[in-house]
Amino acid sequence: MIPPTGPFPREARIRRSAEFQTVAKTGGRYTSGAFVLLIGPAPLSTRARLGVTVSRKVGNAVVRNRVKRLIREWFRRDGQALVAERDVVVIARASAADISGAAAFAELSRIAQGAR
């Protein structure tokens, strides 16, 4: 379980390019207006892991970091339970820059529930 505050634990993150590519190749793709979720099997781990991709098309560094914080917070609160023991890569689209926190949580949860 990821703690509700503090840094995002290293073992809960997808960090290597090869890991991102594995999820993209083996996982399912689920889309919405502001986000794309790639959900694949976790390799021999007992916890869900998160990878986040936010390109410069989304906005400047301040906007990109805000979007990444929203995604990580969603994963802490709701995402772990919705994607239990699987790897998740969230790709933010340009429209994610204008979305509010509550709307982002609702959209990500809706997509993840559809992936079950």
PDB file of N, CA and C in Angstrom:
ATOM      1  N   MET A   1       0.839  -1.190   0.000  1.00  0.00           N
ATOM      2  CA  MET A   1       0.000   0.000   0.000  1.00  0.00           C
ATOM      3  C   MET A   1       0.878   1.244   0.000  1.00  0.00           C
ATOM      4  N   ILE A   2       0.513   2.193  -0.809  1.00  0.00           N
ATOM      5  CA  ILE A   2       1.257   3.445  -0.885  1.00  0.00           C
ATOM      6  C   ILE A   2       0.762   4.363   0.219  1.00  0.00           C
ATOM      7  N   PRO A   3       1.680   4.961   0.989  1.00  0.00           N
ATOM      8  CA  PRO A   3       1.242   5.859   2.059  1.00  0.00           C
ATOM      9  C   PRO A   3       0.495   7.066   1.506  1.00  0.00           C
ATOM     10  N   PRO A   4      -0.479   7.607   2.277  1.00  0.00           N
ATOM     11  CA  PRO A   4      -1.290   8.721   1.784  1.00  0.00           C
ATOM     12  C   PRO A   4      -0.528  10.032   1.622  1.00  0.00           C
ATOM     13  N   THR A   5       0.615  10.163   2.280  1.00  0.00           N
ATOM     14  CA  THR A   5       1.434  11.364   2.136  1.00  0.00           C
ATOM     15  C   THR A   5       2.884  10.950   1.946  1.00  0.00           C
ATOM     16  N   GLY A   6       3.711  11.912   1.599  1.00  0.00           N
ATOM     17  CA  GLY A   6       5.122  11.630   1.428  1.00  0.00           C
ATOM     18  C   GLY A   6       5.460  11.266  -0.003  1.00  0.00           C
ATOM     19  N   PRO A   7       6.699  10.860  -0.216  1.00  0.00           N
ATOM     20  CA  PRO A   7       7.135  10.546  -1.576  1.00  0.00           C
ATOM     21  C   PRO A   7       6.468   9.289  -2.119  1.00  0.00           C
ATOM     22  N   PHE A   8       6.376   9.239  -3.420  1.00  0.00           N
ATOM     23  CA  PHE A   8       5.803   8.076  -4.091  1.00  0.00           C
ATOM     24  C   PHE A   8       6.871   6.983  -4.072  1.00  0.00           C
ATOM     25  N   PRO A   9       6.600   5.825  -3.452  1.00  0.00           N
ATOM     26  CA  PRO A   9       7.645   4.812  -3.267  1.00  0.00           C
ATOM     27  C   PRO A   9       8.225   4.300  -4.586  1.00  0.00           C
ATOM     28  N   ARG A  10       9.490   4.017  -4.552  1.00  0.00           N
ATOM     29  CA  ARG A  10      10.205   3.550  -5.731  1.00  0.00           C
ATOM     30  C   ARG A  10       9.634   2.240  -6.274  1.00  0.00           C
ATOM     31  N   GLU A  11       9.247   1.336  -5.389  1.00  0.00           N
ATOM     32  CA  GLU A  11       8.731   0.039  -5.821  1.00  0.00           C
ATOM     33  C   GLU A  11       7.323   0.138  -6.426  1.00  0.00           C
ATOM     34  N   ALA A  12       6.689   1.301  -6.312  1.00  0.00           N
ATOM     35  CA  ALA A  12       5.350   1.503  -6.885  1.00  0.00           C
ATOM     36  C   ALA A  12       5.409   2.233  -8.223  1.00  0.00           C
ATOM     37  N   ARG A  13       6.628   2.463  -8.735  1.00  0.00           N
ATOM     38  CA  ARG A  13       6.787   3.209  -9.985  1.00  0.00           C
ATOM     39  C   ARG A  13       7.337   2.332 -11.102  1.00  0.00           C
ATOM     40  N   ILE A  14       6.913   2.615 -12.301  1.00  0.00           N
ATOM     41  CA  ILE A  14       7.534   2.045 -13.491  1.00  0.00           C
ATOM     42  C   ILE A  14       8.561   3.079 -13.922  1.00  0.00           C
ATOM     43  N   ARG A  15       9.832   2.683 -13.970  1.00  0.00           N
ATOM     44  CA  ARG A  15      10.877   3.673 -14.186  1.00  0.00           C
ATOM     45  C   ARG A  15      11.662   3.495 -15.470  1.00  0.00           C
ATOM     46  N   ARG A  16      11.834   2.296 -15.917  1.00  0.00           N
ATOM     47  CA  ARG A  16      12.685   2.032 -17.076  1.00  0.00           C
ATOM     48  C   ARG A  16      11.882   2.044 -18.379  1.00  0.00           C
ATOM     49  N   SER A  17      12.548   2.486 -19.421  1.00  0.00           N
ATOM     50  CA  SER A  17      11.911   2.539 -20.739  1.00  0.00           C
ATOM     51  C   SER A  17      11.422   1.158 -21.168  1.00  0.00           C
ATOM     52  N   ALA A  18      12.198   0.133 -20.886  1.00  0.00           N
ATOM     53  CA  ALA A  18      11.809  -1.229 -21.260  1.00  0.00           C
ATOM     54  C   ALA A  18      10.526  -1.654 -20.556  1.00  0.00           C
ATOM     55  N   GLU A  19      10.338  -1.211 -19.317  1.00  0.00           N
ATOM     56  CA  GLU A  19       9.109  -1.533 -18.580  1.00  0.00           C
ATOM     57  C   GLU A  19       7.908  -0.841 -19.208  1.00  0.00           C
ATOM     58  N   PHE A  20       8.074   0.423 -19.606  1.00  0.00           N
ATOM     59  CA  PHE A  20       7.003   1.150 -20.288  1.00  0.00           C
ATOM     60  C   PHE A  20       6.640   0.436 -21.594  1.00  0.00           C
ATOM     61  N   GLN A  21       7.639   0.024 -22.339  1.00  0.00           N
ATOM     62  CA  GLN A  21       7.402  -0.639 -23.619  1.00  0.00           C
ATOM     63  C   GLN A  21       6.728  -1.991 -23.439  1.00  0.00           C
ATOM     64  N   THR A  22       7.086  -2.717 -22.381  1.00  0.00           N
ATOM     65  CA  THR A  22       6.453  -4.009 -22.119  1.00  0.00           C
ATOM     66  C   THR A  22       4.967  -3.833 -21.842  1.00  0.00           C
ATOM     67  N   VAL A  23       4.617  -2.834 -21.037  1.00  0.00           N
ATOM     68  CA  VAL A  23       3.203  -2.576 -20.750  1.00  0.00           C
ATOM     69  C   VAL A  23       2.478  -2.177 -22.033  1.00  0.00           C
ATOM     70  N   ALA A  24       3.123  -1.377 -22.862  1.00  0.00           N
ATOM     71  CA  ALA A  24       2.501  -0.941 -24.117  1.00  0.00           C
ATOM     72  C   ALA A  24       2.262  -2.118 -25.058  1.00  0.00           C
ATOM     73  N   LYS A  25       3.176  -3.080 -25.086  1.00  0.00           N
ATOM     74  CA  LYS A  25       3.050  -4.213 -26.004  1.00  0.00           C
ATOM     75  C   LYS A  25       2.085  -5.273 -25.495  1.00  0.00           C
ATOM     76  N   THR A  26       2.123  -5.560 -24.197  1.00  0.00           N
ATOM     77  CA  THR A  26       1.346  -6.681 -23.657  1.00  0.00           C
ATOM     78  C   THR A  26       0.021  -6.267 -23.047  1.00  0.00           C
ATOM     79  N   GLY A  27      -0.133  -4.985 -22.752  1.00  0.00           N
ATOM     80  CA  GLY A  27      -1.333  -4.536 -22.047  1.00  0.00           C
ATOM     81  C   GLY A  27      -2.432  -4.058 -22.963  1.00  0.00           C
ATOM     82  N   GLY A  28      -3.568  -3.768 -22.334  1.00  0.00           N
ATOM     83  CA  GLY A  28      -4.697  -3.204 -23.055  1.00  0.00           C
ATOM     84  C   GLY A  28      -4.628  -1.695 -23.063  1.00  0.00           C
ATOM     85  N   ARG A  29      -5.270  -1.083 -24.041  1.00  0.00           N
ATOM     86  CA  ARG A  29      -5.263   0.380 -24.185  1.00  0.00           C
ATOM     87  C   ARG A  29      -6.688   0.887 -23.984  1.00  0.00           C
ATOM     88  N   TYR A  30      -6.841   1.836 -23.052  1.00  0.00           N
ATOM     89  CA  TYR A  30      -8.147   2.398 -22.717  1.00  0.00           C
ATOM     90  C   TYR A  30      -8.014   3.908 -22.781  1.00  0.00           C
ATOM     91  N   THR A  31      -8.913   4.562 -23.528  1.00  0.00           N
ATOM     92  CA  THR A  31      -8.767   5.995 -23.780  1.00  0.00           C
ATOM     93  C   THR A  31      -9.971   6.798 -23.305  1.00  0.00           C
ATOM     94  N   SER A  32      -9.701   8.072 -23.084  1.00  0.00           N
ATOM     95  CA  SER A  32     -10.747   9.052 -22.790  1.00  0.00           C
ATOM     96  C   SER A  32     -10.295  10.367 -23.414  1.00  0.00           C
ATOM     97  N   GLY A  33     -10.999  11.429 -23.098  1.00  0.00           N
ATOM     98  CA  GLY A  33     -10.655  12.712 -23.680  1.00  0.00           C
ATOM     99  C   GLY A  33      -9.301  13.251 -23.258  1.00  0.00           C
ATOM    100  N   ALA A  34      -8.931  13.064 -22.000  1.00  0.00           N
ATOM    101  CA  ALA A  34      -7.706  13.660 -21.492  1.00  0.00           C
ATOM    102  C   ALA A  34      -6.592  12.658 -21.196  1.00  0.00           C
ATOM    103  N   PHE A  35      -6.925  11.364 -21.119  1.00  0.00           N
ATOM    104  CA  PHE A  35      -5.925  10.374 -20.718  1.00  0.00           C
ATOM    105  C   PHE A  35      -6.014   9.104 -21.553  1.00  0.00           C
ATOM    106  N   VAL A  36      -4.887   8.410 -21.627  1.00  0.00           N
ATOM    107  CA  VAL A  36      -4.817   7.064 -22.190  1.00  0.00           C
ATOM    108  C   VAL A  36      -4.224   6.183 -21.097  1.00  0.00           C
ATOM    109  N   LEU A  37      -4.876   5.069 -20.787  1.00  0.00           N
ATOM    110  CA  LEU A  37      -4.353   4.119 -19.809  1.00  0.00           C
ATOM    111  C   LEU A  37      -3.913   2.864 -20.539  1.00  0.00           C
ATOM    112  N   LEU A  38      -2.701   2.455 -20.261  1.00  0.00           N
ATOM    113  CA  LEU A  38      -2.178   1.185 -20.742  1.00  0.00           C
ATOM    114  C   LEU A  38      -2.069   0.301 -19.512  1.00  0.00           C
ATOM    115  N   ILE A  39      -2.775  -0.808 -19.496  1.00  0.00           N
ATOM    116  CA  ILE A  39      -2.797  -1.668 -18.322  1.00  0.00           C
ATOM    117  C   ILE A  39      -2.330  -3.057 -18.723  1.00  0.00           C
ATOM    118  N   GLY A  40      -1.254  -3.503 -18.077  1.00  0.00           N
ATOM    119  CA  GLY A  40      -0.690  -4.807 -18.385  1.00  0.00           C
ATOM    120  C   GLY A  40      -0.387  -5.586 -17.125  1.00  0.00           C
ATOM    121  N   PRO A  41      -0.026  -6.843 -17.260  1.00  0.00           N
ATOM    122  CA  PRO A  41       0.287  -7.669 -16.098  1.00  0.00           C
ATOM    123  C   PRO A  41       1.578  -7.203 -15.423  1.00  0.00           C
ATOM    124  N   ALA A  42       1.588  -7.239 -14.104  1.00  0.00           N
ATOM    125  CA  ALA A  42       2.781  -6.872 -13.345  1.00  0.00           C
ATOM    126  C   ALA A  42       3.723  -8.070 -13.300  1.00  0.00           C
ATOM    127  N   PRO A  43       4.996  -7.870 -13.545  1.00  0.00           N
ATOM    128  CA  PRO A  43       5.938  -8.984 -13.539  1.00  0.00           C
ATOM    129  C   PRO A  43       6.350  -9.394 -12.126  1.00  0.00           C
ATOM    130  N   LEU A  44       5.783 -10.451 -11.640  1.00  0.00           N
ATOM    131  CA  LEU A  44       6.168 -11.057 -10.362  1.00  0.00           C
ATOM    132  C   LEU A  44       6.101 -10.128  -9.157  1.00  0.00           C
ATOM    133  N   SER A  45       5.324  -9.077  -9.229  1.00  0.00           N
ATOM    134  CA  SER A  45       5.191  -8.206  -8.064  1.00  0.00           C
ATOM    135  C   SER A  45       3.785  -8.360  -7.502  1.00  0.00           C
ATOM    136  N   THR A  46       3.643  -8.027  -6.256  1.00  0.00           N
ATOM    137  CA  THR A  46       2.341  -8.179  -5.606  1.00  0.00           C
ATOM    138  C   THR A  46       1.613  -6.859  -5.488  1.00  0.00           C
ATOM    139  N   ARG A  47       2.171  -5.817  -6.013  1.00  0.00           N
ATOM    140  CA  ARG A  47       1.516  -4.511  -5.921  1.00  0.00           C
ATOM    141  C   ARG A  47       1.403  -3.872  -7.294  1.00  0.00           C
ATOM    142  N   ALA A  48       0.433  -3.003  -7.411  1.00  0.00           N
ATOM    143  CA  ALA A  48       0.245  -2.260  -8.653  1.00  0.00           C
ATOM    144  C   ALA A  48       1.369  -1.234  -8.778  1.00  0.00           C
ATOM    145  N   ARG A  49       1.795  -0.991 -10.013  1.00  0.00           N
ATOM    146  CA  ARG A  49       2.823   0.012 -10.265  1.00  0.00           C
ATOM    147  C   ARG A  49       2.299   1.020 -11.274  1.00  0.00           C
ATOM    148  N   LEU A  50       2.805   2.252 -11.177  1.00  0.00           N
ATOM    149  CA  LEU A  50       2.343   3.353 -12.021  1.00  0.00           C
ATOM    150  C   LEU A  50       3.495   3.954 -12.802  1.00  0.00           C
ATOM    151  N   GLY A  51       3.243   4.212 -14.087  1.00  0.00           N
ATOM    152  CA  GLY A  51       4.151   4.974 -14.922  1.00  0.00           C
ATOM    153  C   GLY A  51       3.369   6.141 -15.501  1.00  0.00           C
ATOM    154  N   VAL A  52       3.987   7.308 -15.582  1.00  0.00           N
ATOM    155  CA  VAL A  52       3.298   8.502 -16.061  1.00  0.00           C
ATOM    156  C   VAL A  52       4.090   9.111 -17.213  1.00  0.00           C
ATOM    157  N   THR A  53       3.396   9.452 -18.276  1.00  0.00           N
ATOM    158  CA  THR A  53       4.005  10.130 -19.420  1.00  0.00           C
ATOM    159  C   THR A  53       3.205  11.392 -19.700  1.00  0.00           C
ATOM    160  N   VAL A  54       3.888  12.537 -19.611  1.00  0.00           N
ATOM    161  CA  VAL A  54       3.257  13.828 -19.900  1.00  0.00           C
ATOM    162  C   VAL A  54       4.215  14.603 -20.800  1.00  0.00           C
ATOM    163  N   SER A  55       3.858  14.748 -22.071  1.00  0.00           N
ATOM    164  CA  SER A  55       4.748  15.403 -23.025  1.00  0.00           C
ATOM    165  C   SER A  55       4.600  16.922 -22.971  1.00  0.00           C
ATOM    166  N   ARG A  56       5.461  17.591 -23.697  1.00  0.00           N
ATOM    167  CA  ARG A  56       5.411  19.053 -23.741  1.00  0.00           C
ATOM    168  C   ARG A  56       4.186  19.574 -24.460  1.00  0.00           C
ATOM    169  N   LYS A  57       3.480  18.714 -25.173  1.00  0.00           N
ATOM    170  CA  LYS A  57       2.232  19.124 -25.820  1.00  0.00           C
ATOM    171  C   LYS A  57       1.179  19.509 -24.784  1.00  0.00           C
ATOM    172  N   VAL A  58       1.313  18.979 -23.574  1.00  0.00           N
ATOM    173  CA  VAL A  58       0.349  19.274 -22.505  1.00  0.00           C
ATOM    174  C   VAL A  58       0.519  20.699 -22.006  1.00  0.00           C
ATOM    175  N   GLY A  59       1.741  21.185 -21.943  1.00  0.00           N
ATOM    176  CA  GLY A  59       1.969  22.548 -21.467  1.00  0.00           C
ATOM    177  C   GLY A  59       3.391  22.725 -20.973  1.00  0.00           C
ATOM    178  N   ASN A  60       3.602  23.847 -20.291  1.00  0.00           N
ATOM    179  CA  ASN A  60       4.935  24.111 -19.767  1.00  0.00           C
ATOM    180  C   ASN A  60       5.209  23.233 -18.534  1.00  0.00           C
ATOM    181  N   ALA A  61       6.366  23.375 -17.938  1.00  0.00           N
ATOM    182  CA  ALA A  61       6.777  22.500 -16.838  1.00  0.00           C
ATOM    183  C   ALA A  61       5.820  22.570 -15.652  1.00  0.00           C
ATOM    184  N   VAL A  62       5.312  23.740 -15.348  1.00  0.00           N
ATOM    185  CA  VAL A  62       4.387  23.891 -14.226  1.00  0.00           C
ATOM    186  C   VAL A  62       3.110  23.078 -14.468  1.00  0.00           C
ATOM    187  N   VAL A  63       2.583  23.178 -15.653  1.00  0.00           N
ATOM    188  CA  VAL A  63       1.352  22.453 -16.005  1.00  0.00           C
ATOM    189  C   VAL A  63       1.605  20.949 -16.027  1.00  0.00           C
ATOM    190  N   ARG A  64       2.710  20.527 -16.642  1.00  0.00           N
ATOM    191  CA  ARG A  64       3.030  19.096 -16.697  1.00  0.00           C
ATOM    192  C   ARG A  64       3.195  18.503 -15.309  1.00  0.00           C
ATOM    193  N   ASN A  65       3.872  19.208 -14.430  1.00  0.00           N
ATOM    194  CA  ASN A  65       4.055  18.708 -13.061  1.00  0.00           C
ATOM    195  C   ASN A  65       2.733  18.636 -12.309  1.00  0.00           C
ATOM    196  N   ARG A  66       1.841  19.587 -12.532  1.00  0.00           N
ATOM    197  CA  ARG A  66       0.520  19.550 -11.900  1.00  0.00           C
ATOM    198  C   ARG A  66      -0.264  18.321 -12.355  1.00  0.00           C
ATOM    199  N   VAL A  67      -0.209  18.045 -13.650  1.00  0.00           N
ATOM    200  CA  VAL A  67      -0.907  16.876 -14.193  1.00  0.00           C
ATOM    201  C   VAL A  67      -0.314  15.594 -13.601  1.00  0.00           C
ATOM    202  N   LYS A  68       1.000  15.518 -13.507  1.00  0.00           N
ATOM    203  CA  LYS A  68       1.634  14.330 -12.922  1.00  0.00           C
ATOM    204  C   LYS A  68       1.239  14.149 -11.456  1.00  0.00           C
ATOM    205  N   ARG A  69       1.172  15.238 -10.720  1.00  0.00           N
ATOM    206  CA  ARG A  69       0.744  15.145  -9.312  1.00  0.00           C
ATOM    207  C   ARG A  69      -0.681  14.651  -9.203  1.00  0.00           C
ATOM    208  N   LEU A  70      -1.563  15.137 -10.085  1.00  0.00           N
ATOM    209  CA  LEU A  70      -2.956  14.667 -10.087  1.00  0.00           C
ATOM    210  C   LEU A  70      -3.041  13.164 -10.353  1.00  0.00           C
ATOM    211  N   ILE A  71      -2.271  12.696 -11.319  1.00  0.00           N
ATOM    212  CA  ILE A  71      -2.296  11.272 -11.665  1.00  0.00           C
ATOM    213  C   ILE A  71      -1.786  10.427 -10.508  1.00  0.00           C
ATOM    214  N   ARG A  72      -0.683  10.848  -9.897  1.00  0.00           N
ATOM    215  CA  ARG A  72      -0.143  10.096  -8.747  1.00  0.00           C
ATOM    216  C   ARG A  72      -1.114  10.098  -7.574  1.00  0.00           C
ATOM    217  N   GLU A  73      -1.775  11.214  -7.340  1.00  0.00           N
ATOM    218  CA  GLU A  73      -2.742  11.280  -6.243  1.00  0.00           C
ATOM    219  C   GLU A  73      -3.938  10.369  -6.522  1.00  0.00           C
ATOM    220  N   TRP A  74      -4.408  10.340  -7.762  1.00  0.00           N
ATOM    221  CA  TRP A  74      -5.490   9.415  -8.116  1.00  0.00           C
ATOM    222  C   TRP A  74      -5.056   7.980  -7.843  1.00  0.00           C
ATOM    223  N   PHE A  75      -3.838   7.640  -8.209  1.00  0.00           N
ATOM    224  CA  PHE A  75      -3.343   6.280  -8.021  1.00  0.00           C
ATOM    225  C   PHE A  75      -3.257   5.938  -6.535  1.00  0.00           C
ATOM    226  N   ARG A  76      -2.832   6.884  -5.721  1.00  0.00           N
ATOM    227  CA  ARG A  76      -2.774   6.656  -4.263  1.00  0.00           C
ATOM    228  C   ARG A  76      -4.156   6.370  -3.683  1.00  0.00           C
ATOM    229  N   ARG A  77      -5.127   7.178  -4.085  1.00  0.00           N
ATOM    230  CA  ARG A  77      -6.471   7.083  -3.491  1.00  0.00           C
ATOM    231  C   ARG A  77      -7.315   5.953  -4.069  1.00  0.00           C
ATOM    232  N   ASP A  78      -7.449   5.910  -5.382  1.00  0.00           N
ATOM    233  CA  ASP A  78      -8.390   5.002  -6.033  1.00  0.00           C
ATOM    234  C   ASP A  78      -7.735   3.977  -6.947  1.00  0.00           C
ATOM    235  N   GLY A  79      -6.689   4.374  -7.621  1.00  0.00           N
ATOM    236  CA  GLY A  79      -6.123   3.573  -8.693  1.00  0.00           C
ATOM    237  C   GLY A  79      -5.615   2.212  -8.285  1.00  0.00           C
ATOM    238  N   GLN A  80      -4.964   2.126  -7.131  1.00  0.00           N
ATOM    239  CA  GLN A  80      -4.414   0.848  -6.687  1.00  0.00           C
ATOM    240  C   GLN A  80      -5.489  -0.216  -6.582  1.00  0.00           C
ATOM    241  N   ALA A  81      -6.617   0.158  -6.019  1.00  0.00           N
ATOM    242  CA  ALA A  81      -7.709  -0.801  -5.843  1.00  0.00           C
ATOM    243  C   ALA A  81      -8.338  -1.176  -7.186  1.00  0.00           C
ATOM    244  N   LEU A  82      -8.407  -0.230  -8.106  1.00  0.00           N
ATOM    245  CA  LEU A  82      -9.067  -0.491  -9.389  1.00  0.00           C
ATOM    246  C   LEU A  82      -8.237  -1.357 -10.330  1.00  0.00           C
ATOM    247  N   VAL A  83      -6.930  -1.280 -10.215  1.00  0.00           N
ATOM    248  CA  VAL A  83      -6.062  -2.029 -11.131  1.00  0.00           C
ATOM    249  C   VAL A  83      -5.214  -3.055 -10.390  1.00  0.00           C
ATOM    250  N   ALA A  84      -5.713  -3.591  -9.327  1.00  0.00           N
ATOM    251  CA  ALA A  84      -4.996  -4.474  -8.413  1.00  0.00           C
ATOM    252  C   ALA A  84      -3.950  -5.360  -9.077  1.00  0.00           C
ATOM    253  N   GLU A  85      -2.731  -5.206  -8.606  1.00  0.00           N
ATOM    254  CA  GLU A  85      -1.596  -6.047  -8.990  1.00  0.00           C
ATOM    255  C   GLU A  85      -1.292  -6.041 -10.483  1.00  0.00           C
ATOM    256  N   ARG A  86      -1.505  -4.922 -11.127  1.00  0.00           N
ATOM    257  CA  ARG A  86      -1.153  -4.778 -12.539  1.00  0.00           C
ATOM    258  C   ARG A  86      -0.327  -3.511 -12.727  1.00  0.00           C
ATOM    259  N   ASP A  87       0.383  -3.446 -13.831  1.00  0.00           N
ATOM    260  CA  ASP A  87       1.143  -2.249 -14.183  1.00  0.00           C
ATOM    261  C   ASP A  87       0.254  -1.315 -14.984  1.00  0.00           C
ATOM    262  N   VAL A  88       0.332  -0.032 -14.668  1.00  0.00           N
ATOM    263  CA  VAL A  88      -0.480   0.969 -15.344  1.00  0.00           C
ATOM    264  C   VAL A  88       0.430   2.091 -15.834  1.00  0.00           C
ATOM    265  N   VAL A  89       0.273   2.452 -17.107  1.00  0.00           N
ATOM    266  CA  VAL A  89       0.945   3.618 -17.651  1.00  0.00           C
ATOM    267  C   VAL A  89      -0.149   4.597 -18.048  1.00  0.00           C
ATOM    268  N   VAL A  90      -0.066   5.816 -17.526  1.00  0.00           N
ATOM    269  CA  VAL A  90      -1.031   6.860 -17.861  1.00  0.00           C
ATOM    270  C   VAL A  90      -0.331   7.862 -18.773  1.00  0.00           C
ATOM    271  N   ILE A  91      -0.913   8.078 -19.929  1.00  0.00           N
ATOM    272  CA  ILE A  91      -0.404   9.062 -20.884  1.00  0.00           C
ATOM    273  C   ILE A  91      -1.391  10.224 -20.890  1.00  0.00           C
ATOM    274  N   ALA A  92      -0.899  11.412 -20.589  1.00  0.00           N
ATOM    275  CA  ALA A  92      -1.764  12.592 -20.566  1.00  0.00           C
ATOM    276  C   ALA A  92      -1.821  13.206 -21.966  1.00  0.00           C
ATOM    277  N   ARG A  93      -3.015  13.528 -22.388  1.00  0.00           N
ATOM    278  CA  ARG A  93      -3.207  14.235 -23.654  1.00  0.00           C
ATOM    279  C   ARG A  93      -3.215  15.737 -23.389  1.00  0.00           C
ATOM    280  N   ALA A  94      -3.180  16.518 -24.436  1.00  0.00           N
ATOM    281  CA  ALA A  94      -3.116  17.974 -24.299  1.00  0.00           C
ATOM    282  C   ALA A  94      -4.289  18.531 -23.505  1.00  0.00           C
ATOM    283  N   SER A  95      -5.463  17.916 -23.607  1.00  0.00           N
ATOM    284  CA  SER A  95      -6.631  18.421 -22.887  1.00  0.00           C
ATOM    285  C   SER A  95      -6.532  18.204 -21.377  1.00  0.00           C
ATOM    286  N   ALA A  96      -5.561  17.430 -20.914  1.00  0.00           N
ATOM    287  CA  ALA A  96      -5.377  17.210 -19.476  1.00  0.00           C
ATOM    288  C   ALA A  96      -4.909  18.483 -18.769  1.00  0.00           C
ATOM    289  N   ALA A  97      -4.365  19.425 -19.517  1.00  0.00           N
ATOM    290  CA  ALA A  97      -3.877  20.670 -18.919  1.00  0.00           C
ATOM    291  C   ALA A  97      -5.014  21.491 -18.314  1.00  0.00           C
ATOM    292  N   ASP A  98      -6.211  21.377 -18.871  1.00  0.00           N
ATOM    293  CA  ASP A  98      -7.328  22.218 -18.442  1.00  0.00           C
ATOM    294  C   ASP A  98      -8.294  21.516 -17.506  1.00  0.00           C
ATOM    295  N   ILE A  99      -8.026  20.288 -17.141  1.00  0.00           N
ATOM    296  CA  ILE A  99      -8.974  19.513 -16.352  1.00  0.00           C
ATOM    297  C   ILE A  99      -8.776  19.791 -14.858  1.00  0.00           C
ATOM    298  N   SER A 100      -9.877  19.809 -14.115  1.00  0.00           N
ATOM    299  CA  SER A 100      -9.785  20.023 -12.666  1.00  0.00           C
ATOM    300  C   SER A 100      -9.424  18.712 -11.980  1.00  0.00           C
ATOM    301  N   GLY A 101      -9.046  18.792 -10.720  1.00  0.00           N
ATOM    302  CA  GLY A 101      -8.665  17.601  -9.977  1.00  0.00           C
ATOM    303  C   GLY A 101      -9.774  16.580  -9.871  1.00  0.00           C
ATOM    304  N   ALA A 102     -10.967  17.024  -9.506  1.00  0.00           N
ATOM    305  CA  ALA A 102     -12.100  16.100  -9.352  1.00  0.00           C
ATOM    306  C   ALA A 102     -12.475  15.459 -10.685  1.00  0.00           C
ATOM    307  N   ALA A 103     -12.429  16.249 -11.746  1.00  0.00           N
ATOM    308  CA  ALA A 103     -12.756  15.707 -13.071  1.00  0.00           C
ATOM    309  C   ALA A 103     -11.704  14.702 -13.519  1.00  0.00           C
ATOM    310  N   ALA A 104     -10.441  14.964 -13.215  1.00  0.00           N
ATOM    311  CA  ALA A 104      -9.371  14.031 -13.569  1.00  0.00           C
ATOM    312  C   ALA A 104      -9.544  12.717 -12.820  1.00  0.00           C
ATOM    313  N   PHE A 105      -9.845  12.794 -11.514  1.00  0.00           N
ATOM    314  CA  PHE A 105     -10.057  11.579 -10.713  1.00  0.00           C
ATOM    315  C   PHE A 105     -11.211  10.765 -11.284  1.00  0.00           C
ATOM    316  N   ALA A 106     -12.312  11.441 -11.605  1.00  0.00           N
ATOM    317  CA  ALA A 106     -13.489  10.749 -12.120  1.00  0.00           C
ATOM    318  C   ALA A 106     -13.189  10.092 -13.465  1.00  0.00           C
ATOM    319  N   GLU A 107     -12.484  10.804 -14.327  1.00  0.00           N
ATOM    320  CA  GLU A 107     -12.187  10.270 -15.654  1.00  0.00           C
ATOM    321  C   GLU A 107     -11.242   9.074 -15.572  1.00  0.00           C
ATOM    322  N   LEU A 108     -10.194   9.181 -14.755  1.00  0.00           N
ATOM    323  CA  LEU A 108      -9.253   8.079 -14.607  1.00  0.00           C
ATOM    324  C   LEU A 108      -9.928   6.856 -13.979  1.00  0.00           C
ATOM    325  N   SER A 109     -10.774   7.078 -12.982  1.00  0.00           N
ATOM    326  CA  SER A 109     -11.482   5.966 -12.340  1.00  0.00           C
ATOM    327  C   SER A 109     -12.443   5.292 -13.313  1.00  0.00           C
ATOM    328  N   ARG A 110     -13.117   6.087 -14.125  1.00  0.00           N
ATOM    329  CA  ARG A 110     -14.058   5.532 -15.109  1.00  0.00           C
ATOM    330  C   ARG A 110     -13.330   4.652 -16.117  1.00  0.00           C
ATOM    331  N   ILE A 111     -12.172   5.123 -16.569  1.00  0.00           N
ATOM    332  CA  ILE A 111     -11.403   4.337 -17.538  1.00  0.00           C
ATOM    333  C   ILE A 111     -10.903   3.044 -16.896  1.00  0.00           C
ATOM    334  N   ALA A 112     -10.381   3.140 -15.680  1.00  0.00           N
ATOM    335  CA  ALA A 112      -9.834   1.961 -14.996  1.00  0.00           C
ATOM    336  C   ALA A 112     -10.933   0.935 -14.705  1.00  0.00           C
ATOM    337  N   GLN A 113     -12.131   1.393 -14.365  1.00  0.00           N
ATOM    338  CA  GLN A 113     -13.234   0.454 -14.112  1.00  0.00           C
ATOM    339  C   GLN A 113     -13.629  -0.255 -15.402  1.00  0.00           C
ATOM    340  N   GLY A 114     -13.550   0.424 -16.516  1.00  0.00           N
ATOM    341  CA  GLY A 114     -13.850  -0.195 -17.791  1.00  0.00           C
ATOM    342  C   GLY A 114     -12.811  -1.223 -18.204  1.00  0.00           C
ATOM    343  N   ALA A 115     -11.636  -1.145 -17.608  1.00  0.00           N
ATOM    344  CA  ALA A 115     -10.553  -2.078 -17.951  1.00  0.00           C
ATOM    345  C   ALA A 115     -10.629  -3.367 -17.168  1.00  0.00           C
ATOM    346  N   ARG A 116     -11.490  -3.443 -16.191  1.00  0.00           N
ATOM    347  CA  ARG A 116     -11.562  -4.667 -15.352  1.00  0.00           C
ATOM    348  C   ARG A 116     -11.956  -5.872 -16.125  1.00  0.00           C
TER     349      ARG A 116
END
